[in-house]
Amino acid sequence: MPLILASASPRRSELLRNAAIPFTVEPAHVSEQPAAHETPVDYAQRLARDKARAVFARHPESAVLGADTVVVVDQHLLEKPSDQADAARMLRLLSGRTHQVITGVCLVAPDFEQTEAEITQVVFSPLSEREIAAYIDSGEPMDKAGAYAIQGMASRWVERIEGCYFNVVGLPIPRVYRMLRAAEQAAAKVL
């Protein structure tokens, strides 16, 4: 059964390619606004589900993977920064602190739907204003949840992580692989 990634994220595509999981890309365009009183985990899972279902509606013979990643520190939800000032605000919040990276993932296939979340704790070292400004000038933080890329220049500030590294990049590959196997097993039972 062909897999469609309902995301335009180049990082998610790279992670799937590196894991030798064949797929095509068809981004889903859904509203990305948190609902009132929605927890970050519920929000990430809902967006992942909305993305997967939107693309599955157009390709009901395929398996569709939706994903959404958010960063949380002190109940502050940090998505992609809207501009450089927003990126600086986020990096100041992360400086010298522990935060959570939450990725909601949803796999929808014929007679199968599963939604899960991966949570990774990330500890940042303290950042100077000069470091923050230089990082923002590099352009790297501008399209990343939490305004940083663990696999890029920001790696120098990551003191440690607890959980799945790939989750912080944008897609928890071991969890996704387990979900794909579950979908294959469900399809085999139907046949």
N, C-alpha and C. Protein backbone atom coordinates (compact mmCIF):
# COMPACT_ATOMS: atom_id res chain seq x y z
N MET A 1 0.86 -1.17 0.00
CA MET A 1 0.00 0.00 0.00
C MET A 1 0.91 1.24 0.00
N PRO A 2 0.72 2.17 -0.94
CA PRO A 2 1.60 3.34 -1.00
C PRO A 2 1.40 4.26 0.20
N LEU A 3 2.50 4.85 0.67
CA LEU A 3 2.46 5.78 1.80
C LEU A 3 2.58 7.20 1.25
N ILE A 4 1.70 8.07 1.75
CA ILE A 4 1.75 9.49 1.41
C ILE A 4 2.05 10.26 2.69
N LEU A 5 3.04 11.13 2.64
CA LEU A 5 3.36 12.01 3.75
C LEU A 5 2.58 13.30 3.55
N ALA A 6 1.69 13.61 4.48
CA ALA A 6 0.84 14.80 4.37
C ALA A 6 1.55 16.01 4.99
N SER A 7 2.76 16.27 4.50
CA SER A 7 3.58 17.34 5.05
C SER A 7 4.60 17.78 4.01
N ALA A 8 4.86 19.07 3.97
CA ALA A 8 5.88 19.60 3.06
C ALA A 8 7.24 19.71 3.75
N SER A 9 7.35 19.25 4.98
CA SER A 9 8.59 19.39 5.75
C SER A 9 9.73 18.61 5.10
N PRO A 10 10.80 19.30 4.71
CA PRO A 10 11.94 18.58 4.15
C PRO A 10 12.62 17.68 5.18
N ARG A 11 12.54 18.04 6.45
CA ARG A 11 13.15 17.22 7.50
C ARG A 11 12.40 15.90 7.65
N ARG A 12 11.09 15.93 7.61
CA ARG A 12 10.32 14.68 7.70
C ARG A 12 10.61 13.79 6.50
N SER A 13 10.67 14.38 5.33
CA SER A 13 10.99 13.59 4.13
C SER A 13 12.37 12.97 4.26
N GLU A 14 13.34 13.72 4.72
CA GLU A 14 14.69 13.20 4.86
C GLU A 14 14.74 12.05 5.86
N LEU A 15 14.02 12.19 6.98
CA LEU A 15 14.00 11.12 7.97
C LEU A 15 13.40 9.84 7.40
N LEU A 16 12.30 9.94 6.66
CA LEU A 16 11.69 8.76 6.05
C LEU A 16 12.62 8.13 5.02
N ARG A 17 13.26 8.97 4.19
CA ARG A 17 14.21 8.44 3.20
C ARG A 17 15.37 7.72 3.89
N ASN A 18 15.91 8.32 4.94
CA ASN A 18 17.04 7.71 5.66
C ASN A 18 16.65 6.36 6.28
N ALA A 19 15.38 6.21 6.64
CA ALA A 19 14.89 4.96 7.22
C ALA A 19 14.46 3.96 6.14
N ALA A 20 14.65 4.31 4.87
CA ALA A 20 14.29 3.46 3.73
C ALA A 20 12.80 3.12 3.73
N ILE A 21 11.98 4.10 4.08
CA ILE A 21 10.53 3.94 4.03
C ILE A 21 10.05 4.69 2.77
N PRO A 22 9.57 3.97 1.75
CA PRO A 22 9.15 4.64 0.51
C PRO A 22 7.86 5.44 0.73
N PHE A 23 7.80 6.61 0.10
CA PHE A 23 6.64 7.49 0.28
C PHE A 23 6.62 8.53 -0.83
N THR A 24 5.48 9.18 -0.96
CA THR A 24 5.35 10.38 -1.78
C THR A 24 4.87 11.50 -0.86
N VAL A 25 4.93 12.71 -1.34
CA VAL A 25 4.55 13.87 -0.53
C VAL A 25 3.33 14.54 -1.12
N GLU A 26 2.35 14.81 -0.28
CA GLU A 26 1.20 15.63 -0.66
C GLU A 26 0.79 16.43 0.57
N PRO A 27 1.25 17.67 0.67
CA PRO A 27 0.94 18.47 1.86
C PRO A 27 -0.56 18.66 2.04
N ALA A 28 -0.97 18.65 3.29
CA ALA A 28 -2.36 18.95 3.64
C ALA A 28 -2.40 20.41 4.07
N HIS A 29 -3.43 21.08 3.71
CA HIS A 29 -3.57 22.48 4.10
C HIS A 29 -4.76 22.58 5.04
N VAL A 30 -4.46 22.55 6.34
CA VAL A 30 -5.51 22.62 7.36
C VAL A 30 -5.21 23.79 8.28
N SER A 31 -6.24 24.28 8.94
CA SER A 31 -6.08 25.37 9.90
C SER A 31 -5.24 24.89 11.08
N GLU A 32 -4.28 25.71 11.50
CA GLU A 32 -3.38 25.32 12.58
C GLU A 32 -3.52 26.26 13.77
N GLN A 33 -4.73 26.33 14.30
CA GLN A 33 -4.99 27.16 15.48
C GLN A 33 -5.38 26.27 16.65
N PRO A 34 -4.74 26.46 17.82
CA PRO A 34 -5.14 25.67 18.98
C PRO A 34 -6.57 26.02 19.41
N ALA A 35 -7.29 25.01 19.83
CA ALA A 35 -8.64 25.23 20.37
C ALA A 35 -8.52 25.65 21.83
N ALA A 36 -9.52 26.34 22.32
CA ALA A 36 -9.51 26.77 23.72
C ALA A 36 -9.37 25.56 24.64
N HIS A 37 -8.50 25.67 25.60
CA HIS A 37 -8.27 24.63 26.63
C HIS A 37 -7.71 23.32 26.05
N GLU A 38 -7.16 23.36 24.85
CA GLU A 38 -6.57 22.18 24.25
C GLU A 38 -5.12 22.05 24.74
N THR A 39 -4.77 20.87 25.25
CA THR A 39 -3.39 20.67 25.70
C THR A 39 -2.47 20.61 24.49
N PRO A 40 -1.16 20.88 24.67
CA PRO A 40 -0.23 20.77 23.54
C PRO A 40 -0.24 19.38 22.89
N VAL A 41 -0.35 18.32 23.70
CA VAL A 41 -0.39 16.97 23.13
C VAL A 41 -1.65 16.79 22.29
N ASP A 42 -2.79 17.21 22.83
CA ASP A 42 -4.04 17.09 22.08
C ASP A 42 -4.00 17.91 20.79
N TYR A 43 -3.40 19.09 20.88
CA TYR A 43 -3.28 19.97 19.70
C TYR A 43 -2.44 19.31 18.61
N ALA A 44 -1.26 18.81 18.99
CA ALA A 44 -0.37 18.17 18.00
C ALA A 44 -1.05 16.95 17.39
N GLN A 45 -1.74 16.15 18.21
CA GLN A 45 -2.42 14.97 17.68
C GLN A 45 -3.59 15.35 16.77
N ARG A 46 -4.33 16.38 17.16
CA ARG A 46 -5.47 16.79 16.32
C ARG A 46 -4.99 17.27 14.96
N LEU A 47 -3.93 18.09 14.95
CA LEU A 47 -3.42 18.57 13.66
C LEU A 47 -2.90 17.43 12.80
N ALA A 48 -2.20 16.49 13.41
CA ALA A 48 -1.71 15.33 12.67
C ALA A 48 -2.88 14.56 12.06
N ARG A 49 -3.93 14.37 12.85
CA ARG A 49 -5.11 13.64 12.38
C ARG A 49 -5.82 14.42 11.26
N ASP A 50 -5.99 15.74 11.45
CA ASP A 50 -6.64 16.56 10.42
C ASP A 50 -5.87 16.49 9.10
N LYS A 51 -4.54 16.55 9.17
CA LYS A 51 -3.71 16.50 7.96
C LYS A 51 -3.85 15.14 7.28
N ALA A 52 -3.75 14.07 8.06
CA ALA A 52 -3.83 12.72 7.47
C ALA A 52 -5.20 12.48 6.85
N ARG A 53 -6.25 12.86 7.55
CA ARG A 53 -7.60 12.64 7.03
C ARG A 53 -7.87 13.46 5.77
N ALA A 54 -7.35 14.70 5.73
CA ALA A 54 -7.58 15.55 4.55
C ALA A 54 -6.98 14.93 3.30
N VAL A 55 -5.78 14.39 3.41
CA VAL A 55 -5.13 13.78 2.23
C VAL A 55 -5.75 12.40 1.95
N PHE A 56 -6.09 11.64 2.98
CA PHE A 56 -6.71 10.32 2.79
C PHE A 56 -8.04 10.45 2.04
N ALA A 57 -8.77 11.54 2.29
CA ALA A 57 -10.05 11.74 1.59
C ALA A 57 -9.85 11.80 0.08
N ARG A 58 -8.67 12.23 -0.36
CA ARG A 58 -8.37 12.30 -1.80
C ARG A 58 -7.73 11.01 -2.32
N HIS A 59 -7.19 10.19 -1.40
CA HIS A 59 -6.48 8.96 -1.78
C HIS A 59 -6.88 7.81 -0.85
N PRO A 60 -8.13 7.37 -0.91
CA PRO A 60 -8.60 6.37 0.05
C PRO A 60 -8.00 4.97 -0.11
N GLU A 61 -7.19 4.76 -1.13
CA GLU A 61 -6.54 3.46 -1.31
C GLU A 61 -5.13 3.45 -0.72
N SER A 62 -4.71 4.58 -0.18
CA SER A 62 -3.34 4.73 0.32
C SER A 62 -3.29 4.77 1.84
N ALA A 63 -2.08 4.70 2.35
CA ALA A 63 -1.82 5.00 3.76
C ALA A 63 -1.29 6.43 3.79
N VAL A 64 -1.81 7.23 4.71
CA VAL A 64 -1.42 8.64 4.80
C VAL A 64 -0.91 8.93 6.20
N LEU A 65 0.27 9.56 6.25
CA LEU A 65 0.90 9.92 7.52
C LEU A 65 0.83 11.42 7.70
N GLY A 66 0.18 11.83 8.78
CA GLY A 66 0.14 13.24 9.15
C GLY A 66 0.98 13.43 10.40
N ALA A 67 1.60 14.60 10.53
CA ALA A 67 2.42 14.88 11.70
C ALA A 67 2.41 16.37 12.00
N ASP A 68 2.56 16.70 13.27
CA ASP A 68 2.71 18.09 13.67
C ASP A 68 3.59 18.13 14.91
N THR A 69 4.55 19.04 14.91
CA THR A 69 5.49 19.17 16.02
C THR A 69 5.34 20.53 16.68
N VAL A 70 5.30 20.51 18.01
CA VAL A 70 5.27 21.73 18.79
C VAL A 70 6.33 21.64 19.88
N VAL A 71 6.76 22.79 20.35
CA VAL A 71 7.71 22.88 21.46
C VAL A 71 6.98 23.57 22.60
N VAL A 72 7.17 23.05 23.82
CA VAL A 72 6.48 23.60 24.98
C VAL A 72 7.48 23.88 26.09
N VAL A 73 7.42 25.09 26.64
CA VAL A 73 8.20 25.45 27.82
C VAL A 73 7.29 26.29 28.71
N ASP A 74 7.16 25.88 29.96
CA ASP A 74 6.30 26.59 30.92
C ASP A 74 4.90 26.86 30.36
N GLN A 75 4.31 25.89 29.76
CA GLN A 75 2.97 26.00 29.16
C GLN A 75 2.91 26.96 27.98
N HIS A 76 4.05 27.49 27.53
CA HIS A 76 4.09 28.31 26.32
C HIS A 76 4.24 27.37 25.12
N LEU A 77 3.33 27.49 24.19
CA LEU A 77 3.35 26.69 22.98
C LEU A 77 4.18 27.44 21.94
N LEU A 78 5.28 26.83 21.51
CA LEU A 78 6.17 27.47 20.55
C LEU A 78 6.10 26.72 19.23
N GLU A 79 5.49 27.35 18.26
CA GLU A 79 5.42 26.75 16.93
C GLU A 79 6.50 27.41 16.07
N LYS A 80 6.29 27.56 14.79
CA LYS A 80 7.26 28.25 13.94
C LYS A 80 7.19 29.74 14.23
N PRO A 81 8.34 30.41 14.32
CA PRO A 81 8.31 31.85 14.61
C PRO A 81 7.72 32.65 13.45
N SER A 82 6.99 33.70 13.79
CA SER A 82 6.37 34.53 12.76
C SER A 82 7.36 35.53 12.15
N ASP A 83 8.39 35.89 12.91
CA ASP A 83 9.41 36.81 12.42
C ASP A 83 10.64 36.69 13.32
N GLN A 84 11.66 37.51 13.08
CA GLN A 84 12.90 37.42 13.85
C GLN A 84 12.70 37.75 15.32
N ALA A 85 11.85 38.72 15.62
CA ALA A 85 11.59 39.07 17.02
C ALA A 85 10.94 37.90 17.74
N ASP A 86 10.03 37.22 17.07
CA ASP A 86 9.37 36.05 17.67
C ASP A 86 10.37 34.92 17.89
N ALA A 87 11.29 34.73 16.94
CA ALA A 87 12.33 33.71 17.11
C ALA A 87 13.21 34.05 18.32
N ALA A 88 13.57 35.30 18.47
CA ALA A 88 14.39 35.72 19.62
C ALA A 88 13.65 35.47 20.93
N ARG A 89 12.36 35.78 20.95
CA ARG A 89 11.54 35.54 22.15
C ARG A 89 11.56 34.06 22.52
N MET A 90 11.39 33.20 21.53
CA MET A 90 11.38 31.76 21.78
C MET A 90 12.73 31.28 22.30
N LEU A 91 13.80 31.71 21.67
CA LEU A 91 15.14 31.27 22.08
C LEU A 91 15.45 31.74 23.50
N ARG A 92 15.00 32.93 23.87
CA ARG A 92 15.18 33.40 25.26
C ARG A 92 14.42 32.50 26.24
N LEU A 93 13.23 32.09 25.84
CA LEU A 93 12.45 31.19 26.71
C LEU A 93 13.15 29.84 26.89
N LEU A 94 13.82 29.35 25.85
CA LEU A 94 14.48 28.05 25.90
C LEU A 94 15.83 28.10 26.61
N SER A 95 16.45 29.25 26.64
CA SER A 95 17.80 29.43 27.16
C SER A 95 17.95 28.91 28.60
N GLY A 96 18.88 27.96 28.78
CA GLY A 96 19.19 27.44 30.11
C GLY A 96 18.08 26.63 30.75
N ARG A 97 17.17 26.11 29.95
CA ARG A 97 15.98 25.44 30.48
C ARG A 97 15.74 24.10 29.81
N THR A 98 14.82 23.36 30.40
CA THR A 98 14.33 22.12 29.81
C THR A 98 12.99 22.40 29.14
N HIS A 99 12.81 21.86 27.95
CA HIS A 99 11.53 22.00 27.27
C HIS A 99 11.13 20.66 26.67
N GLN A 100 9.89 20.60 26.23
CA GLN A 100 9.37 19.38 25.60
C GLN A 100 9.17 19.62 24.12
N VAL A 101 9.53 18.62 23.32
CA VAL A 101 9.18 18.60 21.91
C VAL A 101 8.13 17.50 21.75
N ILE A 102 6.99 17.89 21.24
CA ILE A 102 5.85 16.97 21.10
C ILE A 102 5.50 16.85 19.62
N THR A 103 5.50 15.64 19.12
CA THR A 103 5.06 15.41 17.75
C THR A 103 3.85 14.48 17.79
N GLY A 104 2.75 14.99 17.26
CA GLY A 104 1.59 14.14 17.04
C GLY A 104 1.74 13.47 15.69
N VAL A 105 1.46 12.18 15.63
CA VAL A 105 1.50 11.45 14.37
C VAL A 105 0.20 10.67 14.20
N CYS A 106 -0.31 10.67 12.98
CA CYS A 106 -1.54 9.93 12.67
C CYS A 106 -1.33 9.19 11.36
N LEU A 107 -1.65 7.92 11.39
CA LEU A 107 -1.61 7.09 10.18
C LEU A 107 -3.03 6.65 9.86
N VAL A 108 -3.48 7.00 8.68
CA VAL A 108 -4.81 6.61 8.21
C VAL A 108 -4.63 5.75 6.96
N ALA A 109 -5.29 4.61 6.94
CA ALA A 109 -5.26 3.69 5.81
C ALA A 109 -6.64 3.06 5.71
N PRO A 110 -6.91 2.32 4.65
CA PRO A 110 -8.21 1.65 4.57
C PRO A 110 -8.44 0.78 5.82
N ASP A 111 -9.54 1.00 6.51
CA ASP A 111 -9.92 0.25 7.72
C ASP A 111 -8.89 0.38 8.84
N PHE A 112 -8.17 1.49 8.88
CA PHE A 112 -7.16 1.67 9.93
C PHE A 112 -6.97 3.16 10.20
N GLU A 113 -6.93 3.51 11.47
CA GLU A 113 -6.54 4.86 11.88
C GLU A 113 -5.92 4.78 13.27
N GLN A 114 -4.76 5.38 13.40
CA GLN A 114 -4.06 5.37 14.68
C GLN A 114 -3.40 6.74 14.87
N THR A 115 -3.60 7.33 16.05
CA THR A 115 -3.01 8.62 16.37
C THR A 115 -2.25 8.49 17.68
N GLU A 116 -1.01 8.96 17.68
CA GLU A 116 -0.17 8.87 18.86
C GLU A 116 0.63 10.15 19.01
N ALA A 117 1.37 10.25 20.11
CA ALA A 117 2.25 11.40 20.32
C ALA A 117 3.55 10.92 20.92
N GLU A 118 4.62 11.55 20.50
CA GLU A 118 5.96 11.30 21.04
C GLU A 118 6.39 12.57 21.77
N ILE A 119 6.93 12.41 22.98
CA ILE A 119 7.38 13.55 23.77
C ILE A 119 8.84 13.34 24.14
N THR A 120 9.67 14.33 23.82
CA THR A 120 11.10 14.29 24.12
C THR A 120 11.45 15.51 24.97
N GLN A 121 12.20 15.29 26.04
CA GLN A 121 12.69 16.39 26.88
C GLN A 121 14.04 16.84 26.32
N VAL A 122 14.21 18.14 26.18
CA VAL A 122 15.45 18.71 25.66
C VAL A 122 15.96 19.76 26.65
N VAL A 123 17.23 19.68 27.00
CA VAL A 123 17.85 20.63 27.92
C VAL A 123 18.79 21.52 27.13
N PHE A 124 18.54 22.81 27.19
CA PHE A 124 19.38 23.80 26.51
C PHE A 124 20.34 24.43 27.51
N SER A 125 21.55 24.76 27.05
CA SER A 125 22.46 25.56 27.86
C SER A 125 22.03 27.03 27.76
N PRO A 126 22.53 27.89 28.64
CA PRO A 126 22.18 29.31 28.56
C PRO A 126 22.72 29.93 27.26
N LEU A 127 21.92 30.82 26.65
CA LEU A 127 22.29 31.49 25.42
C LEU A 127 22.49 32.97 25.68
N SER A 128 23.53 33.54 25.10
CA SER A 128 23.74 34.98 25.20
C SER A 128 22.91 35.68 24.13
N GLU A 129 22.68 36.97 24.32
CA GLU A 129 21.96 37.75 23.31
C GLU A 129 22.73 37.74 21.99
N ARG A 130 24.04 37.74 22.06
CA ARG A 130 24.87 37.70 20.84
C ARG A 130 24.67 36.38 20.10
N GLU A 131 24.63 35.26 20.86
CA GLU A 131 24.40 33.96 20.22
C GLU A 131 23.02 33.90 19.57
N ILE A 132 22.03 34.43 20.27
CA ILE A 132 20.66 34.43 19.73
C ILE A 132 20.61 35.24 18.44
N ALA A 133 21.20 36.44 18.46
CA ALA A 133 21.17 37.30 17.27
C ALA A 133 21.90 36.65 16.09
N ALA A 134 23.06 36.04 16.35
CA ALA A 134 23.81 35.40 15.27
C ALA A 134 23.04 34.21 14.70
N TYR A 135 22.38 33.45 15.57
CA TYR A 135 21.61 32.30 15.10
C TYR A 135 20.44 32.75 14.24
N ILE A 136 19.76 33.79 14.67
CA ILE A 136 18.63 34.31 13.88
C ILE A 136 19.13 34.82 12.53
N ASP A 137 20.28 35.49 12.53
CA ASP A 137 20.85 36.00 11.27
C ASP A 137 21.17 34.86 10.29
N SER A 138 21.42 33.67 10.81
CA SER A 138 21.72 32.54 9.93
C SER A 138 20.49 32.10 9.14
N GLY A 139 19.30 32.45 9.63
CA GLY A 139 18.06 32.04 8.96
C GLY A 139 17.56 30.67 9.38
N GLU A 140 18.39 29.88 10.06
CA GLU A 140 18.01 28.50 10.39
C GLU A 140 16.75 28.39 11.25
N PRO A 141 16.51 29.27 12.21
CA PRO A 141 15.36 29.04 13.09
C PRO A 141 14.00 29.41 12.50
N MET A 142 13.97 30.02 11.34
CA MET A 142 12.73 30.65 10.89
C MET A 142 11.60 29.71 10.48
N ASP A 143 11.87 28.48 10.11
CA ASP A 143 10.78 27.58 9.73
C ASP A 143 10.74 26.35 10.62
N LYS A 144 11.18 26.51 11.87
CA LYS A 144 11.27 25.38 12.80
C LYS A 144 10.41 25.64 14.04
N ALA A 145 9.70 24.62 14.48
CA ALA A 145 8.98 24.73 15.75
C ALA A 145 9.99 25.02 16.86
N GLY A 146 9.69 26.00 17.70
CA GLY A 146 10.59 26.36 18.78
C GLY A 146 11.77 27.20 18.32
N ALA A 147 11.84 27.52 17.06
CA ALA A 147 12.89 28.38 16.48
C ALA A 147 14.29 27.79 16.55
N TYR A 148 14.39 26.46 16.46
CA TYR A 148 15.73 25.87 16.38
C TYR A 148 15.70 24.53 15.67
N ALA A 149 16.86 24.14 15.16
CA ALA A 149 17.04 22.84 14.51
C ALA A 149 18.11 22.09 15.28
N ILE A 150 17.73 21.01 15.94
CA ILE A 150 18.69 20.24 16.74
C ILE A 150 19.79 19.65 15.87
N GLN A 151 19.49 19.37 14.61
CA GLN A 151 20.47 18.77 13.71
C GLN A 151 21.36 19.83 13.05
N GLY A 152 21.14 21.10 13.35
CA GLY A 152 21.91 22.18 12.75
C GLY A 152 22.78 22.89 13.76
N MET A 153 22.90 24.19 13.58
CA MET A 153 23.77 24.99 14.44
C MET A 153 23.35 24.96 15.91
N ALA A 154 22.07 24.80 16.18
CA ALA A 154 21.59 24.78 17.56
C ALA A 154 22.07 23.55 18.33
N SER A 155 22.63 22.57 17.64
CA SER A 155 23.11 21.37 18.32
C SER A 155 24.14 21.71 19.40
N ARG A 156 24.85 22.80 19.23
CA ARG A 156 25.88 23.18 20.22
C ARG A 156 25.29 23.60 21.56
N TRP A 157 23.99 23.88 21.61
CA TRP A 157 23.35 24.30 22.86
C TRP A 157 22.57 23.18 23.55
N VAL A 158 22.49 22.03 22.93
CA VAL A 158 21.70 20.93 23.49
C VAL A 158 22.59 20.14 24.45
N GLU A 159 22.32 20.30 25.74
CA GLU A 159 23.12 19.59 26.75
C GLU A 159 22.77 18.12 26.81
N ARG A 160 21.47 17.84 26.69
CA ARG A 160 21.05 16.43 26.68
C ARG A 160 19.58 16.36 26.25
N ILE A 161 19.21 15.15 25.83
CA ILE A 161 17.81 14.90 25.54
C ILE A 161 17.40 13.61 26.24
N GLU A 162 16.13 13.51 26.55
CA GLU A 162 15.54 12.28 27.10
C GLU A 162 14.40 11.91 26.17
N GLY A 163 14.59 10.83 25.43
CA GLY A 163 13.57 10.40 24.49
C GLY A 163 14.14 10.28 23.09
N CYS A 164 13.27 10.37 22.13
CA CYS A 164 13.61 10.13 20.72
C CYS A 164 14.22 11.36 20.07
N TYR A 165 15.45 11.22 19.61
CA TYR A 165 16.14 12.31 18.90
C TYR A 165 15.39 12.69 17.62
N PHE A 166 14.94 11.69 16.86
CA PHE A 166 14.27 11.94 15.58
C PHE A 166 13.00 12.76 15.77
N ASN A 167 12.36 12.61 16.94
CA ASN A 167 11.18 13.41 17.27
C ASN A 167 11.53 14.89 17.26
N VAL A 168 12.69 15.23 17.80
CA VAL A 168 13.09 16.63 17.87
C VAL A 168 13.38 17.18 16.48
N VAL A 169 13.86 16.33 15.58
CA VAL A 169 14.09 16.73 14.19
C VAL A 169 12.74 16.95 13.50
N GLY A 170 11.71 16.19 13.88
CA GLY A 170 10.39 16.42 13.30
C GLY A 170 9.52 15.20 13.07
N LEU A 171 10.07 13.99 13.27
CA LEU A 171 9.25 12.80 13.06
C LEU A 171 9.85 11.63 13.85
N PRO A 172 9.11 11.08 14.81
CA PRO A 172 9.63 9.96 15.60
C PRO A 172 9.61 8.66 14.79
N ILE A 173 10.67 8.43 14.06
CA ILE A 173 10.73 7.32 13.10
C ILE A 173 10.42 5.96 13.73
N PRO A 174 10.98 5.59 14.89
CA PRO A 174 10.63 4.27 15.45
C PRO A 174 9.13 4.12 15.70
N ARG A 175 8.48 5.16 16.19
CA ARG A 175 7.03 5.11 16.43
C ARG A 175 6.28 4.99 15.11
N VAL A 176 6.69 5.77 14.11
CA VAL A 176 6.04 5.71 12.80
C VAL A 176 6.19 4.32 12.20
N TYR A 177 7.36 3.72 12.32
CA TYR A 177 7.58 2.38 11.77
C TYR A 177 6.66 1.36 12.46
N ARG A 178 6.52 1.47 13.78
CA ARG A 178 5.60 0.56 14.50
C ARG A 178 4.17 0.74 14.01
N MET A 179 3.77 1.99 13.77
CA MET A 179 2.42 2.25 13.28
C MET A 179 2.22 1.68 11.87
N LEU A 180 3.22 1.82 11.03
CA LEU A 180 3.14 1.24 9.68
C LEU A 180 3.00 -0.27 9.73
N ARG A 181 3.74 -0.91 10.62
CA ARG A 181 3.63 -2.37 10.78
C ARG A 181 2.25 -2.76 11.27
N ALA A 182 1.69 -1.98 12.19
CA ALA A 182 0.34 -2.26 12.70
C ALA A 182 -0.69 -2.14 11.57
N ALA A 183 -0.52 -1.14 10.71
CA ALA A 183 -1.44 -0.96 9.58
C ALA A 183 -1.33 -2.13 8.61
N GLU A 184 -0.10 -2.60 8.37
CA GLU A 184 0.09 -3.76 7.48
C GLU A 184 -0.56 -5.01 8.07
N GLN A 185 -0.40 -5.21 9.38
CA GLN A 185 -1.03 -6.36 10.03
C GLN A 185 -2.54 -6.28 9.97
N ALA A 186 -3.09 -5.08 10.15
CA ALA A 186 -4.55 -4.92 10.07
C ALA A 186 -5.04 -5.21 8.65
N ALA A 187 -4.28 -4.76 7.65
CA ALA A 187 -4.67 -5.01 6.24
C ALA A 187 -4.60 -6.51 5.94
N ALA A 188 -3.60 -7.19 6.48
CA ALA A 188 -3.46 -8.64 6.24
C ALA A 188 -4.63 -9.41 6.83
N LYS A 189 -5.15 -8.96 7.97
CA LYS A 189 -6.29 -9.64 8.61
C LYS A 189 -7.55 -9.46 7.79
N VAL A 190 -7.68 -8.30 7.13
CA VAL A 190 -8.85 -8.05 6.29
C VAL A 190 -8.86 -8.95 5.08
N LEU A 191 -7.64 -9.19 4.53
CA LEU A 191 -7.54 -10.06 3.36
C LEU A 191 -7.72 -11.48 3.81
